[in-house]
Amino acid sequence: MVGKKSAFAAEIRTFIKNRCFLGIGPTEIFREICLIYGHGELSYASVTRWCKKFPNGLTSLQDATCGHRKENASSLEMIEKVRKMVSTDA
């Protein structure tokens, strides 16, 4: 499961959110997810993390944005700037 995002991620998170609000614990929710979607779609640790987030006010079902490099790092403009730097440095 590590590094793999389920094709049913949004659907499963909605399921977790609804079950949490009904007061059902992560162990039971995980068992139900395995019955419905099969084993390996989501880890128990992920279920418990989502079960902690929803009651604390989280409403989004999306992953948080990461602090990765900006997408413009490989834009045509940036590529041209690097080419000019490299050619003048030689």
PDB file of N, CA and C in Angstrom:
ATOM      1  N   MET A   1       0.824  -1.196   0.000  1.00  0.00           N
ATOM      2  CA  MET A   1       0.000   0.000   0.000  1.00  0.00           C
ATOM      3  C   MET A   1       0.866   1.257   0.000  1.00  0.00           C
ATOM      4  N   VAL A   2       2.088   1.161   0.434  1.00  0.00           N
ATOM      5  CA  VAL A   2       2.948   2.332   0.535  1.00  0.00           C
ATOM      6  C   VAL A   2       3.175   2.942  -0.840  1.00  0.00           C
ATOM      7  N   GLY A   3       2.945   4.249  -0.962  1.00  0.00           N
ATOM      8  CA  GLY A   3       3.188   4.953  -2.205  1.00  0.00           C
ATOM      9  C   GLY A   3       2.104   4.786  -3.250  1.00  0.00           C
ATOM     10  N   LYS A   4       1.068   4.056  -2.938  1.00  0.00           N
ATOM     11  CA  LYS A   4      -0.001   3.813  -3.900  1.00  0.00           C
ATOM     12  C   LYS A   4      -1.257   4.526  -3.427  1.00  0.00           C
ATOM     13  N   LYS A   5      -1.869   5.281  -4.316  1.00  0.00           N
ATOM     14  CA  LYS A   5      -3.120   5.939  -3.974  1.00  0.00           C
ATOM     15  C   LYS A   5      -4.259   5.173  -4.629  1.00  0.00           C
ATOM     16  N   SER A   6      -5.235   4.832  -3.849  1.00  0.00           N
ATOM     17  CA  SER A   6      -6.365   4.069  -4.335  1.00  0.00           C
ATOM     18  C   SER A   6      -7.145   4.849  -5.388  1.00  0.00           C
ATOM     19  N   ALA A   7      -7.656   4.133  -6.376  1.00  0.00           N
ATOM     20  CA  ALA A   7      -8.524   4.740  -7.384  1.00  0.00           C
ATOM     21  C   ALA A   7      -9.839   5.179  -6.740  1.00  0.00           C
ATOM     22  N   PHE A   8     -10.125   4.642  -5.575  1.00  0.00           N
ATOM     23  CA  PHE A   8     -11.366   4.957  -4.863  1.00  0.00           C
ATOM     24  C   PHE A   8     -11.129   5.912  -3.696  1.00  0.00           C
ATOM     25  N   ALA A   9     -10.017   6.637  -3.689  1.00  0.00           N
ATOM     26  CA  ALA A   9      -9.612   7.453  -2.539  1.00  0.00           C
ATOM     27  C   ALA A   9     -10.707   8.405  -2.062  1.00  0.00           C
ATOM     28  N   ALA A  10     -11.272   9.180  -2.959  1.00  0.00           N
ATOM     29  CA  ALA A  10     -12.299  10.153  -2.551  1.00  0.00           C
ATOM     30  C   ALA A  10     -13.542   9.440  -2.019  1.00  0.00           C
ATOM     31  N   GLU A  11     -13.906   8.354  -2.652  1.00  0.00           N
ATOM     32  CA  GLU A  11     -15.067   7.572  -2.223  1.00  0.00           C
ATOM     33  C   GLU A  11     -14.841   6.971  -0.834  1.00  0.00           C
ATOM     34  N   ILE A  12     -13.648   6.438  -0.612  1.00  0.00           N
ATOM     35  CA  ILE A  12     -13.316   5.837   0.682  1.00  0.00           C
ATOM     36  C   ILE A  12     -13.263   6.905   1.769  1.00  0.00           C
ATOM     37  N   ARG A  13     -12.705   8.064   1.453  1.00  0.00           N
ATOM     38  CA  ARG A  13     -12.647   9.145   2.449  1.00  0.00           C
ATOM     39  C   ARG A  13     -14.044   9.634   2.818  1.00  0.00           C
ATOM     40  N   THR A  14     -14.935   9.687   1.848  1.00  0.00           N
ATOM     41  CA  THR A  14     -16.323  10.057   2.129  1.00  0.00           C
ATOM     42  C   THR A  14     -16.951   9.035   3.058  1.00  0.00           C
ATOM     43  N   PHE A  15     -16.684   7.768   2.786  1.00  0.00           N
ATOM     44  CA  PHE A  15     -17.183   6.679   3.627  1.00  0.00           C
ATOM     45  C   PHE A  15     -16.662   6.840   5.056  1.00  0.00           C
ATOM     46  N   ILE A  16     -15.356   7.079   5.191  1.00  0.00           N
ATOM     47  CA  ILE A  16     -14.753   7.253   6.521  1.00  0.00           C
ATOM     48  C   ILE A  16     -15.381   8.439   7.245  1.00  0.00           C
ATOM     49  N   LYS A  17     -15.522   9.546   6.530  1.00  0.00           N
ATOM     50  CA  LYS A  17     -16.095  10.761   7.129  1.00  0.00           C
ATOM     51  C   LYS A  17     -17.505  10.485   7.665  1.00  0.00           C
ATOM     52  N   ASN A  18     -18.330   9.850   6.866  1.00  0.00           N
ATOM     53  CA  ASN A  18     -19.707   9.568   7.278  1.00  0.00           C
ATOM     54  C   ASN A  18     -19.758   8.601   8.458  1.00  0.00           C
ATOM     55  N   ARG A  19     -18.931   7.571   8.429  1.00  0.00           N
ATOM     56  CA  ARG A  19     -18.918   6.588   9.502  1.00  0.00           C
ATOM     57  C   ARG A  19     -18.393   7.217  10.804  1.00  0.00           C
ATOM     58  N   CYS A  20     -17.403   8.105  10.691  1.00  0.00           N
ATOM     59  CA  CYS A  20     -16.881   8.792  11.881  1.00  0.00           C
ATOM     60  C   CYS A  20     -17.969   9.618  12.544  1.00  0.00           C
ATOM     61  N   PHE A  21     -18.727  10.345  11.736  1.00  0.00           N
ATOM     62  CA  PHE A  21     -19.777  11.193  12.291  1.00  0.00           C
ATOM     63  C   PHE A  21     -20.899  10.374  12.922  1.00  0.00           C
ATOM     64  N   LEU A  22     -21.005   9.102  12.547  1.00  0.00           N
ATOM     65  CA  LEU A  22     -21.982   8.215  13.177  1.00  0.00           C
ATOM     66  C   LEU A  22     -21.426   7.594  14.458  1.00  0.00           C
ATOM     67  N   GLY A  23     -20.156   7.912  14.775  1.00  0.00           N
ATOM     68  CA  GLY A  23     -19.553   7.423  16.004  1.00  0.00           C
ATOM     69  C   GLY A  23     -18.906   6.053  15.886  1.00  0.00           C
ATOM     70  N   ILE A  24     -18.684   5.602  14.683  1.00  0.00           N
ATOM     71  CA  ILE A  24     -18.061   4.295  14.460  1.00  0.00           C
ATOM     72  C   ILE A  24     -16.549   4.467  14.469  1.00  0.00           C
ATOM     73  N   GLY A  25     -15.858   3.584  15.146  1.00  0.00           N
ATOM     74  CA  GLY A  25     -14.418   3.680  15.326  1.00  0.00           C
ATOM     75  C   GLY A  25     -13.624   3.198  14.125  1.00  0.00           C
ATOM     76  N   PRO A  26     -12.324   3.537  14.102  1.00  0.00           N
ATOM     77  CA  PRO A  26     -11.472   3.199  12.961  1.00  0.00           C
ATOM     78  C   PRO A  26     -11.322   1.702  12.700  1.00  0.00           C
ATOM     79  N   THR A  27     -11.349   0.892  13.746  1.00  0.00           N
ATOM     80  CA  THR A  27     -11.212  -0.558  13.544  1.00  0.00           C
ATOM     81  C   THR A  27     -12.381  -1.102  12.736  1.00  0.00           C
ATOM     82  N   GLU A  28     -13.577  -0.711  13.105  1.00  0.00           N
ATOM     83  CA  GLU A  28     -14.769  -1.163  12.377  1.00  0.00           C
ATOM     84  C   GLU A  28     -14.805  -0.570  10.968  1.00  0.00           C
ATOM     85  N   ILE A  29     -14.449   0.692  10.840  1.00  0.00           N
ATOM     86  CA  ILE A  29     -14.429   1.334   9.523  1.00  0.00           C
ATOM     87  C   ILE A  29     -13.438   0.629   8.608  1.00  0.00           C
ATOM     88  N   PHE A  30     -12.251   0.314   9.137  1.00  0.00           N
ATOM     89  CA  PHE A  30     -11.249  -0.391   8.334  1.00  0.00           C
ATOM     90  C   PHE A  30     -11.770  -1.749   7.887  1.00  0.00           C
ATOM     91  N   ARG A  31     -12.427  -2.473   8.791  1.00  0.00           N
ATOM     92  CA  ARG A  31     -12.998  -3.776   8.453  1.00  0.00           C
ATOM     93  C   ARG A  31     -14.021  -3.647   7.327  1.00  0.00           C
ATOM     94  N   GLU A  32     -14.870  -2.628   7.417  1.00  0.00           N
ATOM     95  CA  GLU A  32     -15.891  -2.414   6.388  1.00  0.00           C
ATOM     96  C   GLU A  32     -15.257  -2.043   5.044  1.00  0.00           C
ATOM     97  N   ILE A  33     -14.221  -1.208   5.065  1.00  0.00           N
ATOM     98  CA  ILE A  33     -13.530  -0.826   3.826  1.00  0.00           C
ATOM     99  C   ILE A  33     -12.949  -2.060   3.152  1.00  0.00           C
ATOM    100  N   CYS A  34     -12.344  -2.945   3.948  1.00  0.00           N
ATOM    101  CA  CYS A  34     -11.778  -4.175   3.388  1.00  0.00           C
ATOM    102  C   CYS A  34     -12.860  -5.060   2.787  1.00  0.00           C
ATOM    103  N   LEU A  35     -14.026  -5.113   3.427  1.00  0.00           N
ATOM    104  CA  LEU A  35     -15.133  -5.910   2.890  1.00  0.00           C
ATOM    105  C   LEU A  35     -15.662  -5.330   1.578  1.00  0.00           C
ATOM    106  N   ILE A  36     -15.755  -4.014   1.519  1.00  0.00           N
ATOM    107  CA  ILE A  36     -16.335  -3.347   0.350  1.00  0.00           C
ATOM    108  C   ILE A  36     -15.333  -3.222  -0.794  1.00  0.00           C
ATOM    109  N   TYR A  37     -14.136  -2.732  -0.493  1.00  0.00           N
ATOM    110  CA  TYR A  37     -13.152  -2.398  -1.536  1.00  0.00           C
ATOM    111  C   TYR A  37     -12.029  -3.429  -1.675  1.00  0.00           C
ATOM    112  N   GLY A  38     -11.922  -4.319  -0.717  1.00  0.00           N
ATOM    113  CA  GLY A  38     -10.854  -5.303  -0.728  1.00  0.00           C
ATOM    114  C   GLY A  38      -9.670  -4.828   0.099  1.00  0.00           C
ATOM    115  N   HIS A  39      -8.804  -5.780   0.414  1.00  0.00           N
ATOM    116  CA  HIS A  39      -7.610  -5.456   1.208  1.00  0.00           C
ATOM    117  C   HIS A  39      -6.603  -4.721   0.329  1.00  0.00           C
ATOM    118  N   GLY A  40      -5.853  -3.815   0.919  1.00  0.00           N
ATOM    119  CA  GLY A  40      -4.799  -3.116   0.193  1.00  0.00           C
ATOM    120  C   GLY A  40      -5.217  -1.791  -0.414  1.00  0.00           C
ATOM    121  N   GLU A  41      -6.479  -1.398  -0.281  1.00  0.00           N
ATOM    122  CA  GLU A  41      -6.908  -0.109  -0.826  1.00  0.00           C
ATOM    123  C   GLU A  41      -6.511   1.042   0.088  1.00  0.00           C
ATOM    124  N   LEU A  42      -6.457   0.788   1.385  1.00  0.00           N
ATOM    125  CA  LEU A  42      -6.109   1.818   2.353  1.00  0.00           C
ATOM    126  C   LEU A  42      -5.590   1.125   3.608  1.00  0.00           C
ATOM    127  N   SER A  43      -4.539   1.650   4.179  1.00  0.00           N
ATOM    128  CA  SER A  43      -3.979   1.039   5.386  1.00  0.00           C
ATOM    129  C   SER A  43      -4.807   1.421   6.610  1.00  0.00           C
ATOM    130  N   TYR A  44      -4.680   0.611   7.648  1.00  0.00           N
ATOM    131  CA  TYR A  44      -5.360   0.912   8.905  1.00  0.00           C
ATOM    132  C   TYR A  44      -4.871   2.241   9.468  1.00  0.00           C
ATOM    133  N   ALA A  45      -3.564   2.503   9.332  1.00  0.00           N
ATOM    134  CA  ALA A  45      -2.994   3.765   9.830  1.00  0.00           C
ATOM    135  C   ALA A  45      -3.641   4.966   9.131  1.00  0.00           C
ATOM    136  N   SER A  46      -3.895   4.844   7.835  1.00  0.00           N
ATOM    137  CA  SER A  46      -4.546   5.939   7.098  1.00  0.00           C
ATOM    138  C   SER A  46      -5.974   6.148   7.582  1.00  0.00           C
ATOM    139  N   VAL A  47      -6.669   5.058   7.834  1.00  0.00           N
ATOM    140  CA  VAL A  47      -8.041   5.172   8.351  1.00  0.00           C
ATOM    141  C   VAL A  47      -8.035   5.902   9.690  1.00  0.00           C
ATOM    142  N   THR A  48      -7.117   5.541  10.576  1.00  0.00           N
ATOM    143  CA  THR A  48      -7.075   6.201  11.883  1.00  0.00           C
ATOM    144  C   THR A  48      -6.714   7.681  11.751  1.00  0.00           C
ATOM    145  N   ARG A  49      -5.809   8.021  10.804  1.00  0.00           N
ATOM    146  CA  ARG A  49      -5.465   9.443  10.597  1.00  0.00           C
ATOM    147  C   ARG A  49      -6.695  10.227  10.144  1.00  0.00           C
ATOM    148  N   TRP A  50      -7.423   9.679   9.166  1.00  0.00           N
ATOM    149  CA  TRP A  50      -8.622  10.382   8.685  1.00  0.00           C
ATOM    150  C   TRP A  50      -9.680  10.459   9.780  1.00  0.00           C
ATOM    151  N   CYS A  51      -9.795   9.413  10.596  1.00  0.00           N
ATOM    152  CA  CYS A  51     -10.778   9.416  11.688  1.00  0.00           C
ATOM    153  C   CYS A  51     -10.455  10.480  12.734  1.00  0.00           C
ATOM    154  N   LYS A  52      -9.204  10.840  12.872  1.00  0.00           N
ATOM    155  CA  LYS A  52      -8.819  11.908  13.793  1.00  0.00           C
ATOM    156  C   LYS A  52      -9.066  13.284  13.177  1.00  0.00           C
ATOM    157  N   LYS A  53      -8.890  13.396  11.855  1.00  0.00           N
ATOM    158  CA  LYS A  53      -9.007  14.691  11.184  1.00  0.00           C
ATOM    159  C   LYS A  53     -10.455  15.172  11.084  1.00  0.00           C
ATOM    160  N   PHE A  54     -11.368  14.302  10.706  1.00  0.00           N
ATOM    161  CA  PHE A  54     -12.746  14.736  10.457  1.00  0.00           C
ATOM    162  C   PHE A  54     -13.435  15.309  11.689  1.00  0.00           C
ATOM    163  N   PRO A  55     -13.384  14.671  12.836  1.00  0.00           N
ATOM    164  CA  PRO A  55     -14.033  15.266  14.014  1.00  0.00           C
ATOM    165  C   PRO A  55     -13.385  16.573  14.477  1.00  0.00           C
ATOM    166  N   ASN A  56     -12.153  16.826  14.061  1.00  0.00           N
ATOM    167  CA  ASN A  56     -11.455  18.063  14.448  1.00  0.00           C
ATOM    168  C   ASN A  56     -11.699  19.205  13.476  1.00  0.00           C
ATOM    169  N   GLY A  57     -12.687  19.070  12.605  1.00  0.00           N
ATOM    170  CA  GLY A  57     -13.072  20.178  11.743  1.00  0.00           C
ATOM    171  C   GLY A  57     -12.663  20.075  10.294  1.00  0.00           C
ATOM    172  N   LEU A  58     -11.925  19.052   9.912  1.00  0.00           N
ATOM    173  CA  LEU A  58     -11.548  18.905   8.509  1.00  0.00           C
ATOM    174  C   LEU A  58     -12.789  18.589   7.688  1.00  0.00           C
ATOM    175  N   THR A  59     -12.984  19.308   6.597  1.00  0.00           N
ATOM    176  CA  THR A  59     -14.121  19.036   5.726  1.00  0.00           C
ATOM    177  C   THR A  59     -13.683  18.579   4.333  1.00  0.00           C
ATOM    178  N   SER A  60     -12.459  18.899   3.957  1.00  0.00           N
ATOM    179  CA  SER A  60     -11.960  18.535   2.635  1.00  0.00           C
ATOM    180  C   SER A  60     -11.618  17.053   2.574  1.00  0.00           C
ATOM    181  N   LEU A  61     -11.868  16.452   1.430  1.00  0.00           N
ATOM    182  CA  LEU A  61     -11.523  15.052   1.206  1.00  0.00           C
ATOM    183  C   LEU A  61     -10.237  14.926   0.402  1.00  0.00           C
ATOM    184  N   GLN A  62      -9.634  16.057   0.062  1.00  0.00           N
ATOM    185  CA  GLN A  62      -8.419  16.076  -0.758  1.00  0.00           C
ATOM    186  C   GLN A  62      -7.174  16.004   0.116  1.00  0.00           C
ATOM    187  N   ASP A  63      -6.073  15.532  -0.479  1.00  0.00           N
ATOM    188  CA  ASP A  63      -4.788  15.542   0.211  1.00  0.00           C
ATOM    189  C   ASP A  63      -4.344  16.987   0.395  1.00  0.00           C
ATOM    190  N   ALA A  64      -3.626  17.242   1.467  1.00  0.00           N
ATOM    191  CA  ALA A  64      -3.054  18.570   1.671  1.00  0.00           C
ATOM    192  C   ALA A  64      -1.976  18.806   0.624  1.00  0.00           C
ATOM    193  N   THR A  65      -1.829  20.053   0.217  1.00  0.00           N
ATOM    194  CA  THR A  65      -0.787  20.356  -0.757  1.00  0.00           C
ATOM    195  C   THR A  65       0.569  20.233  -0.096  1.00  0.00           C
ATOM    196  N   CYS A  66       1.515  19.760  -0.841  1.00  0.00           N
ATOM    197  CA  CYS A  66       2.870  19.568  -0.325  1.00  0.00           C
ATOM    198  C   CYS A  66       3.723  20.775  -0.680  1.00  0.00           C
ATOM    199  N   GLY A  67       4.814  20.931  -0.004  1.00  0.00           N
ATOM    200  CA  GLY A  67       5.720  22.036  -0.261  1.00  0.00           C
ATOM    201  C   GLY A  67       6.736  21.711  -1.339  1.00  0.00           C
ATOM    202  N   HIS A  68       6.282  21.062  -2.388  1.00  0.00           N
ATOM    203  CA  HIS A  68       7.187  20.692  -3.473  1.00  0.00           C
ATOM    204  C   HIS A  68       7.585  21.909  -4.312  1.00  0.00           C
ATOM    205  N   ARG A  69       8.534  21.680  -5.178  1.00  0.00           N
ATOM    206  CA  ARG A  69       9.011  22.703  -6.083  1.00  0.00           C
ATOM    207  C   ARG A  69       7.861  23.220  -6.962  1.00  0.00           C
ATOM    208  N   LYS A  70       7.898  24.465  -7.293  1.00  0.00           N
ATOM    209  CA  LYS A  70       6.868  25.048  -8.138  1.00  0.00           C
ATOM    210  C   LYS A  70       6.887  24.391  -9.509  1.00  0.00           C
ATOM    211  N   GLU A  71       5.717  24.333 -10.136  1.00  0.00           N
ATOM    212  CA  GLU A  71       5.605  23.682 -11.436  1.00  0.00           C
ATOM    213  C   GLU A  71       6.339  24.434 -12.539  1.00  0.00           C
ATOM    214  N   ASN A  72       6.584  25.724 -12.366  1.00  0.00           N
ATOM    215  CA  ASN A  72       7.238  26.498 -13.423  1.00  0.00           C
ATOM    216  C   ASN A  72       8.737  26.239 -13.504  1.00  0.00           C
ATOM    217  N   ALA A  73       9.250  25.357 -12.655  1.00  0.00           N
ATOM    218  CA  ALA A  73      10.684  25.067 -12.669  1.00  0.00           C
ATOM    219  C   ALA A  73      11.120  24.458 -13.989  1.00  0.00           C
ATOM    220  N   SER A  74      10.220  23.816 -14.712  1.00  0.00           N
ATOM    221  CA  SER A  74      10.581  23.224 -15.996  1.00  0.00           C
ATOM    222  C   SER A  74       9.821  23.885 -17.156  1.00  0.00           C
ATOM    223  N   SER A  75       9.412  25.130 -16.960  1.00  0.00           N
ATOM    224  CA  SER A  75       8.727  25.843 -18.036  1.00  0.00           C
ATOM    225  C   SER A  75       9.721  26.185 -19.143  1.00  0.00           C
ATOM    226  N   LEU A  76       9.219  26.476 -20.310  1.00  0.00           N
ATOM    227  CA  LEU A  76      10.085  26.827 -21.440  1.00  0.00           C
ATOM    228  C   LEU A  76      10.941  28.052 -21.122  1.00  0.00           C
ATOM    229  N   GLU A  77      10.347  28.995 -20.426  1.00  0.00           N
ATOM    230  CA  GLU A  77      11.079  30.209 -20.043  1.00  0.00           C
ATOM    231  C   GLU A  77      12.260  29.863 -19.129  1.00  0.00           C
ATOM    232  N   MET A  78      12.022  28.996 -18.157  1.00  0.00           N
ATOM    233  CA  MET A  78      13.079  28.600 -17.235  1.00  0.00           C
ATOM    234  C   MET A  78      14.158  27.793 -17.958  1.00  0.00           C
ATOM    235  N   ILE A  79      13.767  26.931 -18.861  1.00  0.00           N
ATOM    236  CA  ILE A  79      14.729  26.142 -19.635  1.00  0.00           C
ATOM    237  C   ILE A  79      15.647  27.061 -20.438  1.00  0.00           C
ATOM    238  N   GLU A  80      15.072  28.083 -21.041  1.00  0.00           N
ATOM    239  CA  GLU A  80      15.863  29.037 -21.829  1.00  0.00           C
ATOM    240  C   GLU A  80      16.839  29.804 -20.946  1.00  0.00           C
ATOM    241  N   LYS A  81      16.413  30.198 -19.755  1.00  0.00           N
ATOM    242  CA  LYS A  81      17.297  30.903 -18.827  1.00  0.00           C
ATOM    243  C   LYS A  81      18.491  30.030 -18.444  1.00  0.00           C
ATOM    244  N   VAL A  82      18.225  28.753 -18.184  1.00  0.00           N
ATOM    245  CA  VAL A  82      19.298  27.830 -17.815  1.00  0.00           C
ATOM    246  C   VAL A  82      20.253  27.636 -18.986  1.00  0.00           C
ATOM    247  N   ARG A  83      19.719  27.514 -20.193  1.00  0.00           N
ATOM    248  CA  ARG A  83      20.572  27.377 -21.373  1.00  0.00           C
ATOM    249  C   ARG A  83      21.519  28.554 -21.523  1.00  0.00           C
ATOM    250  N   LYS A  84      20.991  29.756 -21.328  1.00  0.00           N
ATOM    251  CA  LYS A  84      21.816  30.956 -21.439  1.00  0.00           C
ATOM    252  C   LYS A  84      22.897  30.966 -20.367  1.00  0.00           C
ATOM    253  N   MET A  85      22.543  30.584 -19.152  1.00  0.00           N
ATOM    254  CA  MET A  85      23.523  30.531 -18.068  1.00  0.00           C
ATOM    255  C   MET A  85      24.641  29.550 -18.370  1.00  0.00           C
ATOM    256  N   VAL A  86      24.271  28.392 -18.845  1.00  0.00           N
ATOM    257  CA  VAL A  86      25.242  27.338 -19.120  1.00  0.00           C
ATOM    258  C   VAL A  86      26.155  27.747 -20.276  1.00  0.00           C
ATOM    259  N   SER A  87      25.583  28.346 -21.311  1.00  0.00           N
ATOM    260  CA  SER A  87      26.391  28.710 -22.473  1.00  0.00           C
ATOM    261  C   SER A  87      27.356  29.863 -22.163  1.00  0.00           C
ATOM    262  N   THR A  88      27.017  30.760 -21.270  1.00  0.00           N
ATOM    263  CA  THR A  88      27.906  31.869 -20.910  1.00  0.00           C
ATOM    264  C   THR A  88      28.944  31.446 -19.873  1.00  0.00           C
ATOM    265  N   ASP A  89      28.684  30.382 -19.183  1.00  0.00           N
ATOM    266  CA  ASP A  89      29.583  29.884 -18.147  1.00  0.00           C
ATOM    267  C   ASP A  89      30.750  29.083 -18.724  1.00  0.00           C
ATOM    268  N   ALA A  90      30.581  28.559 -19.910  1.00  0.00           N
ATOM    269  CA  ALA A  90      31.582  27.651 -20.488  1.00  0.00           C
ATOM    270  C   ALA A  90      32.840  28.339 -20.908  1.00  0.00           C
TER     271      ALA A  90
END
